[in-house]
Amino acid sequence: MHWYDILGTLGVLSIIFAYAAVQSGRLAPTRLLYSMMNLIGAILILVSLAYNFNLASVVIEVFWILISVWGIVKWFQARRELMKPPIE
């Protein structure tokens, strides 16, 4: 097994653990950790796909990254809203 296969496998495990944690109720899908696990997993899979190219897999990983970044941005926006002082 090559180093990029190991990275890809770790990426798959990250995404699977994130999904399982949400389904089991151990992790809320709105938490930063969920989006970060998905983002890291997708990046690692994409690295492995650079060595073993598969167009369909690249497309889904690019969308997985975009959606994960969207979730991270939403998390930071929600946090910023909570930290705003109340308007009097």
PDB file of N, CA and C in Angstrom:
ATOM      1  N   MET A   1       0.859  -1.179   0.000  1.00  0.00           N
ATOM      2  CA  MET A   1       0.000   0.000   0.000  1.00  0.00           C
ATOM      3  C   MET A   1       0.902   1.237   0.000  1.00  0.00           C
ATOM      4  N   HIS A   2       0.594   2.160  -0.874  1.00  0.00           N
ATOM      5  CA  HIS A   2       1.362   3.399  -0.983  1.00  0.00           C
ATOM      6  C   HIS A   2       0.882   4.427   0.040  1.00  0.00           C
ATOM      7  N   TRP A   3       1.715   5.442   0.268  1.00  0.00           N
ATOM      8  CA  TRP A   3       1.370   6.480   1.242  1.00  0.00           C
ATOM      9  C   TRP A   3       0.076   7.193   0.868  1.00  0.00           C
ATOM     10  N   TYR A   4      -0.175   7.398  -0.426  1.00  0.00           N
ATOM     11  CA  TYR A   4      -1.392   8.093  -0.841  1.00  0.00           C
ATOM     12  C   TYR A   4      -2.626   7.208  -0.655  1.00  0.00           C
ATOM     13  N   ASP A   5      -2.455   5.902  -0.717  1.00  0.00           N
ATOM     14  CA  ASP A   5      -3.573   5.005  -0.406  1.00  0.00           C
ATOM     15  C   ASP A   5      -3.916   5.081   1.077  1.00  0.00           C
ATOM     16  N   ILE A   6      -2.893   5.187   1.910  1.00  0.00           N
ATOM     17  CA  ILE A   6      -3.112   5.312   3.352  1.00  0.00           C
ATOM     18  C   ILE A   6      -3.842   6.621   3.655  1.00  0.00           C
ATOM     19  N   LEU A   7      -3.414   7.729   3.015  1.00  0.00           N
ATOM     20  CA  LEU A   7      -4.106   9.006   3.216  1.00  0.00           C
ATOM     21  C   LEU A   7      -5.562   8.920   2.780  1.00  0.00           C
ATOM     22  N   GLY A   8      -5.793   8.323   1.625  1.00  0.00           N
ATOM     23  CA  GLY A   8      -7.167   8.173   1.132  1.00  0.00           C
ATOM     24  C   GLY A   8      -8.020   7.355   2.078  1.00  0.00           C
ATOM     25  N   THR A   9      -7.447   6.288   2.625  1.00  0.00           N
ATOM     26  CA  THR A   9      -8.176   5.447   3.577  1.00  0.00           C
ATOM     27  C   THR A   9      -8.476   6.215   4.858  1.00  0.00           C
ATOM     28  N   LEU A  10      -7.518   6.996   5.331  1.00  0.00           N
ATOM     29  CA  LEU A  10      -7.771   7.833   6.515  1.00  0.00           C
ATOM     30  C   LEU A  10      -8.876   8.850   6.233  1.00  0.00           C
ATOM     31  N   GLY A  11      -8.898   9.393   5.015  1.00  0.00           N
ATOM     32  CA  GLY A  11      -9.957  10.316   4.632  1.00  0.00           C
ATOM     33  C   GLY A  11     -11.323   9.659   4.654  1.00  0.00           C
ATOM     34  N   VAL A  12     -11.397   8.452   4.120  1.00  0.00           N
ATOM     35  CA  VAL A  12     -12.660   7.705   4.130  1.00  0.00           C
ATOM     36  C   VAL A  12     -13.102   7.457   5.566  1.00  0.00           C
ATOM     37  N   LEU A  13     -12.177   7.047   6.417  1.00  0.00           N
ATOM     38  CA  LEU A  13     -12.516   6.794   7.820  1.00  0.00           C
ATOM     39  C   LEU A  13     -13.017   8.060   8.511  1.00  0.00           C
ATOM     40  N   SER A  14     -12.412   9.195   8.205  1.00  0.00           N
ATOM     41  CA  SER A  14     -12.844  10.463   8.802  1.00  0.00           C
ATOM     42  C   SER A  14     -14.292  10.775   8.434  1.00  0.00           C
ATOM     43  N   ILE A  15     -14.625  10.609   7.168  1.00  0.00           N
ATOM     44  CA  ILE A  15     -15.993  10.883   6.718  1.00  0.00           C
ATOM     45  C   ILE A  15     -16.972   9.879   7.307  1.00  0.00           C
ATOM     46  N   ILE A  16     -16.597   8.613   7.349  1.00  0.00           N
ATOM     47  CA  ILE A  16     -17.480   7.581   7.907  1.00  0.00           C
ATOM     48  C   ILE A  16     -17.712   7.819   9.403  1.00  0.00           C
ATOM     49  N   PHE A  17     -16.642   8.129  10.143  1.00  0.00           N
ATOM     50  CA  PHE A  17     -16.798   8.389  11.580  1.00  0.00           C
ATOM     51  C   PHE A  17     -17.683   9.612  11.824  1.00  0.00           C
ATOM     52  N   ALA A  18     -17.525  10.647  11.019  1.00  0.00           N
ATOM     53  CA  ALA A  18     -18.362  11.841  11.166  1.00  0.00           C
ATOM     54  C   ALA A  18     -19.829  11.499  10.931  1.00  0.00           C
ATOM     55  N   TYR A  19     -20.090  10.761   9.882  1.00  0.00           N
ATOM     56  CA  TYR A  19     -21.476  10.384   9.553  1.00  0.00           C
ATOM     57  C   TYR A  19     -22.064   9.483  10.637  1.00  0.00           C
ATOM     58  N   ALA A  20     -21.283   8.511  11.087  1.00  0.00           N
ATOM     59  CA  ALA A  20     -21.758   7.606  12.135  1.00  0.00           C
ATOM     60  C   ALA A  20     -22.021   8.363  13.439  1.00  0.00           C
ATOM     61  N   ALA A  21     -21.174   9.331  13.748  1.00  0.00           N
ATOM     62  CA  ALA A  21     -21.360  10.114  14.973  1.00  0.00           C
ATOM     63  C   ALA A  21     -22.646  10.934  14.914  1.00  0.00           C
ATOM     64  N   VAL A  22     -22.964  11.461  13.753  1.00  0.00           N
ATOM     65  CA  VAL A  22     -24.214  12.204  13.603  1.00  0.00           C
ATOM     66  C   VAL A  22     -25.408  11.261  13.715  1.00  0.00           C
ATOM     67  N   GLN A  23     -25.339  10.124  13.035  1.00  0.00           N
ATOM     68  CA  GLN A  23     -26.454   9.179  13.052  1.00  0.00           C
ATOM     69  C   GLN A  23     -26.700   8.594  14.435  1.00  0.00           C
ATOM     70  N   SER A  24     -25.636   8.451  15.228  1.00  0.00           N
ATOM     71  CA  SER A  24     -25.778   7.894  16.574  1.00  0.00           C
ATOM     72  C   SER A  24     -26.151   8.954  17.607  1.00  0.00           C
ATOM     73  N   GLY A  25     -26.185  10.219  17.188  1.00  0.00           N
ATOM     74  CA  GLY A  25     -26.539  11.287  18.110  1.00  0.00           C
ATOM     75  C   GLY A  25     -25.370  11.786  18.951  1.00  0.00           C
ATOM     76  N   ARG A  26     -24.166  11.319  18.661  1.00  0.00           N
ATOM     77  CA  ARG A  26     -22.991  11.751  19.422  1.00  0.00           C
ATOM     78  C   ARG A  26     -22.438  13.084  18.928  1.00  0.00           C
ATOM     79  N   LEU A  27     -22.841  13.492  17.731  1.00  0.00           N
ATOM     80  CA  LEU A  27     -22.324  14.729  17.151  1.00  0.00           C
ATOM     81  C   LEU A  27     -23.445  15.405  16.369  1.00  0.00           C
ATOM     82  N   ALA A  28     -23.626  16.693  16.599  1.00  0.00           N
ATOM     83  CA  ALA A  28     -24.635  17.453  15.852  1.00  0.00           C
ATOM     84  C   ALA A  28     -24.047  17.875  14.505  1.00  0.00           C
ATOM     85  N   PRO A  29     -24.832  17.799  13.441  1.00  0.00           N
ATOM     86  CA  PRO A  29     -24.313  18.184  12.129  1.00  0.00           C
ATOM     87  C   PRO A  29     -23.990  19.667  12.016  1.00  0.00           C
ATOM     88  N   THR A  30     -24.408  20.456  12.973  1.00  0.00           N
ATOM     89  CA  THR A  30     -24.110  21.888  12.954  1.00  0.00           C
ATOM     90  C   THR A  30     -22.806  22.216  13.683  1.00  0.00           C
ATOM     91  N   ARG A  31     -22.176  21.233  14.300  1.00  0.00           N
ATOM     92  CA  ARG A  31     -20.921  21.468  15.014  1.00  0.00           C
ATOM     93  C   ARG A  31     -19.768  21.635  14.038  1.00  0.00           C
ATOM     94  N   LEU A  32     -18.809  22.433  14.445  1.00  0.00           N
ATOM     95  CA  LEU A  32     -17.627  22.665  13.618  1.00  0.00           C
ATOM     96  C   LEU A  32     -16.873  21.363  13.362  1.00  0.00           C
ATOM     97  N   LEU A  33     -16.798  20.500  14.358  1.00  0.00           N
ATOM     98  CA  LEU A  33     -16.070  19.240  14.215  1.00  0.00           C
ATOM     99  C   LEU A  33     -16.600  18.398  13.061  1.00  0.00           C
ATOM    100  N   TYR A  34     -17.905  18.357  12.893  1.00  0.00           N
ATOM    101  CA  TYR A  34     -18.508  17.571  11.814  1.00  0.00           C
ATOM    102  C   TYR A  34     -18.028  18.068  10.449  1.00  0.00           C
ATOM    103  N   SER A  35     -18.096  19.363  10.230  1.00  0.00           N
ATOM    104  CA  SER A  35     -17.659  19.921   8.943  1.00  0.00           C
ATOM    105  C   SER A  35     -16.158  19.757   8.757  1.00  0.00           C
ATOM    106  N   MET A  36     -15.391  19.896   9.820  1.00  0.00           N
ATOM    107  CA  MET A  36     -13.942  19.743   9.719  1.00  0.00           C
ATOM    108  C   MET A  36     -13.557  18.305   9.389  1.00  0.00           C
ATOM    109  N   MET A  37     -14.231  17.338  10.003  1.00  0.00           N
ATOM    110  CA  MET A  37     -13.945  15.936   9.705  1.00  0.00           C
ATOM    111  C   MET A  37     -14.255  15.618   8.244  1.00  0.00           C
ATOM    112  N   ASN A  38     -15.348  16.172   7.748  1.00  0.00           N
ATOM    113  CA  ASN A  38     -15.703  15.967   6.345  1.00  0.00           C
ATOM    114  C   ASN A  38     -14.716  16.658   5.413  1.00  0.00           C
ATOM    115  N   LEU A  39     -14.315  17.867   5.760  1.00  0.00           N
ATOM    116  CA  LEU A  39     -13.360  18.601   4.928  1.00  0.00           C
ATOM    117  C   LEU A  39     -12.008  17.880   4.871  1.00  0.00           C
ATOM    118  N   ILE A  40     -11.498  17.504   6.009  1.00  0.00           N
ATOM    119  CA  ILE A  40     -10.207  16.810   6.058  1.00  0.00           C
ATOM    120  C   ILE A  40     -10.290  15.481   5.313  1.00  0.00           C
ATOM    121  N   GLY A  41     -11.366  14.762   5.535  1.00  0.00           N
ATOM    122  CA  GLY A  41     -11.542  13.486   4.848  1.00  0.00           C
ATOM    123  C   GLY A  41     -11.558  13.650   3.341  1.00  0.00           C
ATOM    124  N   ALA A  42     -12.314  14.624   2.858  1.00  0.00           N
ATOM    125  CA  ALA A  42     -12.413  14.847   1.410  1.00  0.00           C
ATOM    126  C   ALA A  42     -11.070  15.278   0.821  1.00  0.00           C
ATOM    127  N   ILE A  43     -10.336  16.108   1.541  1.00  0.00           N
ATOM    128  CA  ILE A  43      -9.015  16.534   1.057  1.00  0.00           C
ATOM    129  C   ILE A  43      -8.073  15.341   0.961  1.00  0.00           C
ATOM    130  N   LEU A  44      -8.077  14.493   1.985  1.00  0.00           N
ATOM    131  CA  LEU A  44      -7.201  13.319   1.963  1.00  0.00           C
ATOM    132  C   LEU A  44      -7.567  12.374   0.820  1.00  0.00           C
ATOM    133  N   ILE A  45      -8.841  12.186   0.585  1.00  0.00           N
ATOM    134  CA  ILE A  45      -9.274  11.343  -0.535  1.00  0.00           C
ATOM    135  C   ILE A  45      -8.849  11.977  -1.854  1.00  0.00           C
ATOM    136  N   LEU A  46      -8.985  13.290  -1.959  1.00  0.00           N
ATOM    137  CA  LEU A  46      -8.586  13.981  -3.185  1.00  0.00           C
ATOM    138  C   LEU A  46      -7.086  13.832  -3.451  1.00  0.00           C
ATOM    139  N   VAL A  47      -6.286  13.866  -2.386  1.00  0.00           N
ATOM    140  CA  VAL A  47      -4.843  13.646  -2.551  1.00  0.00           C
ATOM    141  C   VAL A  47      -4.603  12.259  -3.147  1.00  0.00           C
ATOM    142  N   SER A  48      -5.276  11.257  -2.613  1.00  0.00           N
ATOM    143  CA  SER A  48      -5.079   9.901  -3.139  1.00  0.00           C
ATOM    144  C   SER A  48      -5.566   9.796  -4.585  1.00  0.00           C
ATOM    145  N   LEU A  49      -6.587  10.549  -4.937  1.00  0.00           N
ATOM    146  CA  LEU A  49      -7.106  10.519  -6.308  1.00  0.00           C
ATOM    147  C   LEU A  49      -6.163  11.203  -7.294  1.00  0.00           C
ATOM    148  N   ALA A  50      -5.270  12.023  -6.799  1.00  0.00           N
ATOM    149  CA  ALA A  50      -4.269  12.631  -7.681  1.00  0.00           C
ATOM    150  C   ALA A  50      -3.316  11.560  -8.219  1.00  0.00           C
ATOM    151  N   TYR A  51      -3.186  10.450  -7.496  1.00  0.00           N
ATOM    152  CA  TYR A  51      -2.301   9.362  -7.905  1.00  0.00           C
ATOM    153  C   TYR A  51      -3.058   8.229  -8.595  1.00  0.00           C
ATOM    154  N   ASN A  52      -4.318   8.056  -8.243  1.00  0.00           N
ATOM    155  CA  ASN A  52      -5.187   7.059  -8.868  1.00  0.00           C
ATOM    156  C   ASN A  52      -6.457   7.772  -9.314  1.00  0.00           C
ATOM    157  N   PHE A  53      -6.368   8.479 -10.432  1.00  0.00           N
ATOM    158  CA  PHE A  53      -7.438   9.368 -10.872  1.00  0.00           C
ATOM    159  C   PHE A  53      -8.720   8.611 -11.222  1.00  0.00           C
ATOM    160  N   ASN A  54      -9.827   9.194 -10.770  1.00  0.00           N
ATOM    161  CA  ASN A  54     -11.162   8.711 -11.112  1.00  0.00           C
ATOM    162  C   ASN A  54     -12.050   9.953 -11.139  1.00  0.00           C
ATOM    163  N   LEU A  55     -12.522  10.335 -12.317  1.00  0.00           N
ATOM    164  CA  LEU A  55     -13.247  11.598 -12.476  1.00  0.00           C
ATOM    165  C   LEU A  55     -14.474  11.693 -11.568  1.00  0.00           C
ATOM    166  N   ALA A  56     -15.274  10.650 -11.513  1.00  0.00           N
ATOM    167  CA  ALA A  56     -16.488  10.698 -10.693  1.00  0.00           C
ATOM    168  C   ALA A  56     -16.147  10.923  -9.221  1.00  0.00           C
ATOM    169  N   SER A  57     -15.099  10.269  -8.750  1.00  0.00           N
ATOM    170  CA  SER A  57     -14.695  10.437  -7.355  1.00  0.00           C
ATOM    171  C   SER A  57     -14.138  11.828  -7.091  1.00  0.00           C
ATOM    172  N   VAL A  58     -13.399  12.369  -8.043  1.00  0.00           N
ATOM    173  CA  VAL A  58     -12.882  13.735  -7.897  1.00  0.00           C
ATOM    174  C   VAL A  58     -14.038  14.722  -7.810  1.00  0.00           C
ATOM    175  N   VAL A  59     -15.040  14.555  -8.665  1.00  0.00           N
ATOM    176  CA  VAL A  59     -16.188  15.464  -8.666  1.00  0.00           C
ATOM    177  C   VAL A  59     -16.896  15.432  -7.321  1.00  0.00           C
ATOM    178  N   ILE A  60     -17.156  14.242  -6.796  1.00  0.00           N
ATOM    179  CA  ILE A  60     -17.871  14.181  -5.517  1.00  0.00           C
ATOM    180  C   ILE A  60     -17.030  14.747  -4.379  1.00  0.00           C
ATOM    181  N   GLU A  61     -15.726  14.539  -4.405  1.00  0.00           N
ATOM    182  CA  GLU A  61     -14.872  15.071  -3.343  1.00  0.00           C
ATOM    183  C   GLU A  61     -14.781  16.595  -3.406  1.00  0.00           C
ATOM    184  N   VAL A  62     -14.770  17.153  -4.607  1.00  0.00           N
ATOM    185  CA  VAL A  62     -14.766  18.614  -4.742  1.00  0.00           C
ATOM    186  C   VAL A  62     -16.053  19.189  -4.149  1.00  0.00           C
ATOM    187  N   PHE A  63     -17.189  18.557  -4.448  1.00  0.00           N
ATOM    188  CA  PHE A  63     -18.450  19.030  -3.861  1.00  0.00           C
ATOM    189  C   PHE A  63     -18.467  18.812  -2.353  1.00  0.00           C
ATOM    190  N   TRP A  64     -17.897  17.709  -1.879  1.00  0.00           N
ATOM    191  CA  TRP A  64     -17.823  17.437  -0.433  1.00  0.00           C
ATOM    192  C   TRP A  64     -17.030  18.537   0.255  1.00  0.00           C
ATOM    193  N   ILE A  65     -15.938  18.965  -0.386  1.00  0.00           N
ATOM    194  CA  ILE A  65     -15.121  20.053   0.165  1.00  0.00           C
ATOM    195  C   ILE A  65     -15.913  21.358   0.179  1.00  0.00           C
ATOM    196  N   LEU A  66     -16.576  21.684  -0.926  1.00  0.00           N
ATOM    197  CA  LEU A  66     -17.348  22.933  -1.001  1.00  0.00           C
ATOM    198  C   LEU A  66     -18.451  22.968   0.050  1.00  0.00           C
ATOM    199  N   ILE A  67     -19.157  21.862   0.210  1.00  0.00           N
ATOM    200  CA  ILE A  67     -20.243  21.815   1.194  1.00  0.00           C
ATOM    201  C   ILE A  67     -19.680  21.894   2.614  1.00  0.00           C
ATOM    202  N   SER A  68     -18.548  21.256   2.855  1.00  0.00           N
ATOM    203  CA  SER A  68     -17.918  21.324   4.174  1.00  0.00           C
ATOM    204  C   SER A  68     -17.468  22.739   4.500  1.00  0.00           C
ATOM    205  N   VAL A  69     -16.892  23.422   3.527  1.00  0.00           N
ATOM    206  CA  VAL A  69     -16.476  24.818   3.725  1.00  0.00           C
ATOM    207  C   VAL A  69     -17.703  25.686   3.996  1.00  0.00           C
ATOM    208  N   TRP A  70     -18.779  25.425   3.289  1.00  0.00           N
ATOM    209  CA  TRP A  70     -20.037  26.146   3.518  1.00  0.00           C
ATOM    210  C   TRP A  70     -20.491  25.953   4.968  1.00  0.00           C
ATOM    211  N   GLY A  71     -20.433  24.721   5.474  1.00  0.00           N
ATOM    212  CA  GLY A  71     -20.801  24.458   6.862  1.00  0.00           C
ATOM    213  C   GLY A  71     -19.897  25.174   7.849  1.00  0.00           C
ATOM    214  N   ILE A  72     -18.610  25.232   7.554  1.00  0.00           N
ATOM    215  CA  ILE A  72     -17.661  25.932   8.424  1.00  0.00           C
ATOM    216  C   ILE A  72     -17.956  27.431   8.444  1.00  0.00           C
ATOM    217  N   VAL A  73     -18.214  27.999   7.275  1.00  0.00           N
ATOM    218  CA  VAL A  73     -18.557  29.429   7.191  1.00  0.00           C
ATOM    219  C   VAL A  73     -19.833  29.710   7.979  1.00  0.00           C
ATOM    220  N   LYS A  74     -20.848  28.861   7.823  1.00  0.00           N
ATOM    221  CA  LYS A  74     -22.100  29.039   8.574  1.00  0.00           C
ATOM    222  C   LYS A  74     -21.850  28.961  10.075  1.00  0.00           C
ATOM    223  N   TRP A  75     -20.962  28.069  10.512  1.00  0.00           N
ATOM    224  CA  TRP A  75     -20.655  27.948  11.931  1.00  0.00           C
ATOM    225  C   TRP A  75     -20.032  29.234  12.454  1.00  0.00           C
ATOM    226  N   PHE A  76     -19.069  29.785  11.712  1.00  0.00           N
ATOM    227  CA  PHE A  76     -18.426  31.029  12.137  1.00  0.00           C
ATOM    228  C   PHE A  76     -19.408  32.197  12.117  1.00  0.00           C
ATOM    229  N   GLN A  77     -20.296  32.239  11.142  1.00  0.00           N
ATOM    230  CA  GLN A  77     -21.306  33.305  11.097  1.00  0.00           C
ATOM    231  C   GLN A  77     -22.243  33.217  12.290  1.00  0.00           C
ATOM    232  N   ALA A  78     -22.678  32.014  12.633  1.00  0.00           N
ATOM    233  CA  ALA A  78     -23.572  31.828  13.782  1.00  0.00           C
ATOM    234  C   ALA A  78     -22.864  32.218  15.071  1.00  0.00           C
ATOM    235  N   ARG A  79     -21.601  31.879  15.177  1.00  0.00           N
ATOM    236  CA  ARG A  79     -20.829  32.224  16.369  1.00  0.00           C
ATOM    237  C   ARG A  79     -20.683  33.739  16.489  1.00  0.00           C
ATOM    238  N   ARG A  80     -20.417  34.407  15.356  1.00  0.00           N
ATOM    239  CA  ARG A  80     -20.282  35.855  15.368  1.00  0.00           C
ATOM    240  C   ARG A  80     -21.602  36.512  15.792  1.00  0.00           C
ATOM    241  N   GLU A  81     -22.716  35.966  15.327  1.00  0.00           N
ATOM    242  CA  GLU A  81     -24.034  36.504  15.719  1.00  0.00           C
ATOM    243  C   GLU A  81     -24.262  36.379  17.224  1.00  0.00           C
ATOM    244  N   LEU A  82     -23.837  35.255  17.780  1.00  0.00           N
ATOM    245  CA  LEU A  82     -24.002  35.055  19.223  1.00  0.00           C
ATOM    246  C   LEU A  82     -23.145  35.997  20.045  1.00  0.00           C
ATOM    247  N   MET A  83     -22.038  36.436  19.489  1.00  0.00           N
ATOM    248  CA  MET A  83     -21.117  37.285  20.231  1.00  0.00           C
ATOM    249  C   MET A  83     -21.428  38.777  20.084  1.00  0.00           C
ATOM    250  N   LYS A  84     -22.387  39.127  19.235  1.00  0.00           N
ATOM    251  CA  LYS A  84     -22.751  40.531  19.072  1.00  0.00           C
ATOM    252  C   LYS A  84     -23.412  41.042  20.336  1.00  0.00           C
ATOM    253  N   PRO A  85     -23.067  42.265  20.708  1.00  0.00           N
ATOM    254  CA  PRO A  85     -23.762  42.845  21.886  1.00  0.00           C
ATOM    255  C   PRO A  85     -25.217  43.124  21.526  1.00  0.00           C
ATOM    256  N   PRO A  86     -26.088  43.004  22.523  1.00  0.00           N
ATOM    257  CA  PRO A  86     -27.510  43.264  22.259  1.00  0.00           C
ATOM    258  C   PRO A  86     -27.740  44.740  21.898  1.00  0.00           C
ATOM    259  N   ILE A  87     -28.681  44.946  20.993  1.00  0.00           N
ATOM    260  CA  ILE A  87     -29.038  46.305  20.581  1.00  0.00           C
ATOM    261  C   ILE A  87     -30.084  46.828  21.557  1.00  0.00           C
ATOM    262  N   GLU A  88     -29.826  48.026  22.070  1.00  0.00           N
ATOM    263  CA  GLU A  88     -30.771  48.617  23.040  1.00  0.00           C
ATOM    264  C   GLU A  88     -31.539  49.735  22.435  1.00  0.00           C
TER     265      GLU A  88
END
